[in-house]
Amino acid sequence: MKVIKIEFVQQEPSLVGDDIGRETFTEQVLPNVDIENMEEITVQFPEYVSLITSSFVQGFSNAIVKRYNRDGFKKFVHIKAATKKIETDFYEDL
């Protein structure tokens, strides 16, 4: 399974905004996947990220959710974050 480590220039503890989510996905995930022939991936967020808002999640997940729906996103994309709560909340915010 491919692991994609998300990186940010500024070490912001909170990821906020649909536009930032889309930008992060487009620049860091999309070049590493084939959405038409999706395979399981792990997306690893930095340890310093302590909050991922629903607006970020919706922007980040939009392309895969449109193609495969929420259950498809959960099937193909494994989220790794600083805490299990962040990971669980990410999926709940889809």
C-alpha atoms as a PDB file:
ATOM      1  CA  MET A   1       0.000   0.000   0.000  1.00  0.00           C
ATOM      2  CA  LYS A   2       1.311   3.419  -0.962  1.00  0.00           C
ATOM      3  CA  VAL A   3       1.913   5.881   1.897  1.00  0.00           C
ATOM      4  CA  ILE A   4       1.566   9.580   1.122  1.00  0.00           C
ATOM      5  CA  LYS A   5       3.034  11.860   3.771  1.00  0.00           C
ATOM      6  CA  ILE A   6       1.352  15.244   3.773  1.00  0.00           C
ATOM      7  CA  GLU A   7       3.675  18.183   4.382  1.00  0.00           C
ATOM      8  CA  PHE A   8       3.062  21.872   4.987  1.00  0.00           C
ATOM      9  CA  VAL A   9       5.504  24.772   4.714  1.00  0.00           C
ATOM     10  CA  GLN A  10       4.140  26.349   7.877  1.00  0.00           C
ATOM     11  CA  GLN A  11       3.537  24.000  10.770  1.00  0.00           C
ATOM     12  CA  GLU A  12      -0.068  24.975  11.442  1.00  0.00           C
ATOM     13  CA  PRO A  13      -1.746  22.851  14.140  1.00  0.00           C
ATOM     14  CA  SER A  14      -5.188  23.315  12.528  1.00  0.00           C
ATOM     15  CA  LEU A  15      -6.182  22.459   8.970  1.00  0.00           C
ATOM     16  CA  VAL A  16      -9.107  24.682   8.029  1.00  0.00           C
ATOM     17  CA  GLY A  17     -10.984  25.396   4.819  1.00  0.00           C
ATOM     18  CA  ASP A  18     -12.363  23.643   1.772  1.00  0.00           C
ATOM     19  CA  ASP A  19      -9.895  25.448  -0.487  1.00  0.00           C
ATOM     20  CA  ILE A  20      -6.877  24.345   1.574  1.00  0.00           C
ATOM     21  CA  GLY A  21      -8.214  20.775   1.583  1.00  0.00           C
ATOM     22  CA  ARG A  22      -8.620  20.755  -2.209  1.00  0.00           C
ATOM     23  CA  GLU A  23      -5.200  22.323  -2.702  1.00  0.00           C
ATOM     24  CA  THR A  24      -3.529  19.797  -0.404  1.00  0.00           C
ATOM     25  CA  PHE A  25      -5.210  16.883  -2.191  1.00  0.00           C
ATOM     26  CA  THR A  26      -4.464  18.261  -5.663  1.00  0.00           C
ATOM     27  CA  GLU A  27      -0.807  19.004  -4.972  1.00  0.00           C
ATOM     28  CA  GLN A  28       0.180  16.119  -2.695  1.00  0.00           C
ATOM     29  CA  VAL A  29      -2.188  13.186  -3.249  1.00  0.00           C
ATOM     30  CA  LEU A  30      -3.469  13.413  -6.813  1.00  0.00           C
ATOM     31  CA  PRO A  31      -0.017  13.111  -8.433  1.00  0.00           C
ATOM     32  CA  ASN A  32       0.403   9.790  -6.595  1.00  0.00           C
ATOM     33  CA  VAL A  33      -2.898   8.080  -7.410  1.00  0.00           C
ATOM     34  CA  ASP A  34      -5.013   7.109 -10.391  1.00  0.00           C
ATOM     35  CA  ILE A  35      -8.550   8.024  -9.360  1.00  0.00           C
ATOM     36  CA  GLU A  36     -10.064   6.034 -12.229  1.00  0.00           C
ATOM     37  CA  ASN A  37      -8.292   2.858 -11.033  1.00  0.00           C
ATOM     38  CA  MET A  38      -8.086   3.588  -7.323  1.00  0.00           C
ATOM     39  CA  GLU A  39      -6.009   1.387  -5.055  1.00  0.00           C
ATOM     40  CA  GLU A  40      -5.714   1.586  -1.292  1.00  0.00           C
ATOM     41  CA  ILE A  41      -3.452   4.322   0.031  1.00  0.00           C
ATOM     42  CA  THR A  42      -2.467   5.648   3.435  1.00  0.00           C
ATOM     43  CA  VAL A  43      -2.458   9.403   3.889  1.00  0.00           C
ATOM     44  CA  GLN A  44      -0.288  10.415   6.823  1.00  0.00           C
ATOM     45  CA  PHE A  45      -0.750  13.843   8.366  1.00  0.00           C
ATOM     46  CA  PRO A  46       2.066  15.448  10.386  1.00  0.00           C
ATOM     47  CA  GLU A  47       2.172  14.841  14.139  1.00  0.00           C
ATOM     48  CA  TYR A  48       1.842  18.559  14.872  1.00  0.00           C
ATOM     49  CA  VAL A  49      -1.640  18.694  13.302  1.00  0.00           C
ATOM     50  CA  SER A  50      -4.104  18.576  16.192  1.00  0.00           C
ATOM     51  CA  LEU A  51      -7.297  19.604  14.376  1.00  0.00           C
ATOM     52  CA  ILE A  52      -8.673  18.857  10.920  1.00  0.00           C
ATOM     53  CA  THR A  53     -11.950  20.692  10.317  1.00  0.00           C
ATOM     54  CA  SER A  54     -14.903  19.327   8.370  1.00  0.00           C
ATOM     55  CA  SER A  55     -14.422  21.998   5.690  1.00  0.00           C
ATOM     56  CA  PHE A  56     -10.835  20.809   5.097  1.00  0.00           C
ATOM     57  CA  VAL A  57     -12.013  17.185   4.983  1.00  0.00           C
ATOM     58  CA  GLN A  58     -14.733  17.970   2.449  1.00  0.00           C
ATOM     59  CA  GLY A  59     -12.302  19.786   0.166  1.00  0.00           C
ATOM     60  CA  PHE A  60      -9.636  17.119   0.579  1.00  0.00           C
ATOM     61  CA  SER A  61     -11.974  14.187  -0.071  1.00  0.00           C
ATOM     62  CA  ASN A  62     -14.144  15.744  -2.786  1.00  0.00           C
ATOM     63  CA  ALA A  63     -12.589  14.131  -5.884  1.00  0.00           C
ATOM     64  CA  ILE A  64     -12.637  10.591  -4.484  1.00  0.00           C
ATOM     65  CA  VAL A  65     -16.078  10.949  -2.868  1.00  0.00           C
ATOM     66  CA  LYS A  66     -17.521  12.181  -6.190  1.00  0.00           C
ATOM     67  CA  ARG A  67     -16.153   9.112  -7.971  1.00  0.00           C
ATOM     68  CA  TYR A  68     -16.637   6.411  -5.303  1.00  0.00           C
ATOM     69  CA  ASN A  69     -18.909   7.966  -2.616  1.00  0.00           C
ATOM     70  CA  ARG A  70     -18.105   8.147   1.100  1.00  0.00           C
ATOM     71  CA  ASP A  71     -17.844   4.392   1.557  1.00  0.00           C
ATOM     72  CA  GLY A  72     -15.413   4.215  -1.350  1.00  0.00           C
ATOM     73  CA  PHE A  73     -13.250   6.895   0.243  1.00  0.00           C
ATOM     74  CA  LYS A  74     -13.213   4.896   3.479  1.00  0.00           C
ATOM     75  CA  LYS A  75     -12.304   1.749   1.546  1.00  0.00           C
ATOM     76  CA  PHE A  76      -9.441   3.258  -0.437  1.00  0.00           C
ATOM     77  CA  VAL A  77      -8.015   5.971   1.826  1.00  0.00           C
ATOM     78  CA  HIS A  78      -6.581   5.156   5.234  1.00  0.00           C
ATOM     79  CA  ILE A  79      -5.976   8.254   7.333  1.00  0.00           C
ATOM     80  CA  LYS A  80      -3.107   8.354   9.830  1.00  0.00           C
ATOM     81  CA  ALA A  81      -2.907  11.284  12.220  1.00  0.00           C
ATOM     82  CA  ALA A  82      -1.542  12.234  15.634  1.00  0.00           C
ATOM     83  CA  THR A  83      -4.513  10.650  17.435  1.00  0.00           C
ATOM     84  CA  LYS A  84      -7.208   8.073  16.734  1.00  0.00           C
ATOM     85  CA  LYS A  85      -9.805  10.777  17.461  1.00  0.00           C
ATOM     86  CA  ILE A  86      -8.532  12.902  14.578  1.00  0.00           C
ATOM     87  CA  GLU A  87      -8.678   9.853  12.309  1.00  0.00           C
ATOM     88  CA  THR A  88     -12.219   8.960  13.414  1.00  0.00           C
ATOM     89  CA  ASP A  89     -13.427  12.554  13.126  1.00  0.00           C
ATOM     90  CA  PHE A  90     -11.961  12.767   9.603  1.00  0.00           C
ATOM     91  CA  TYR A  91     -14.189   9.907   8.405  1.00  0.00           C
ATOM     92  CA  GLU A  92     -17.237  11.270  10.244  1.00  0.00           C
ATOM     93  CA  ASP A  93     -16.792  14.608   8.447  1.00  0.00           C
ATOM     94  CA  LEU A  94     -16.930  13.095   4.950  1.00  0.00           C
END
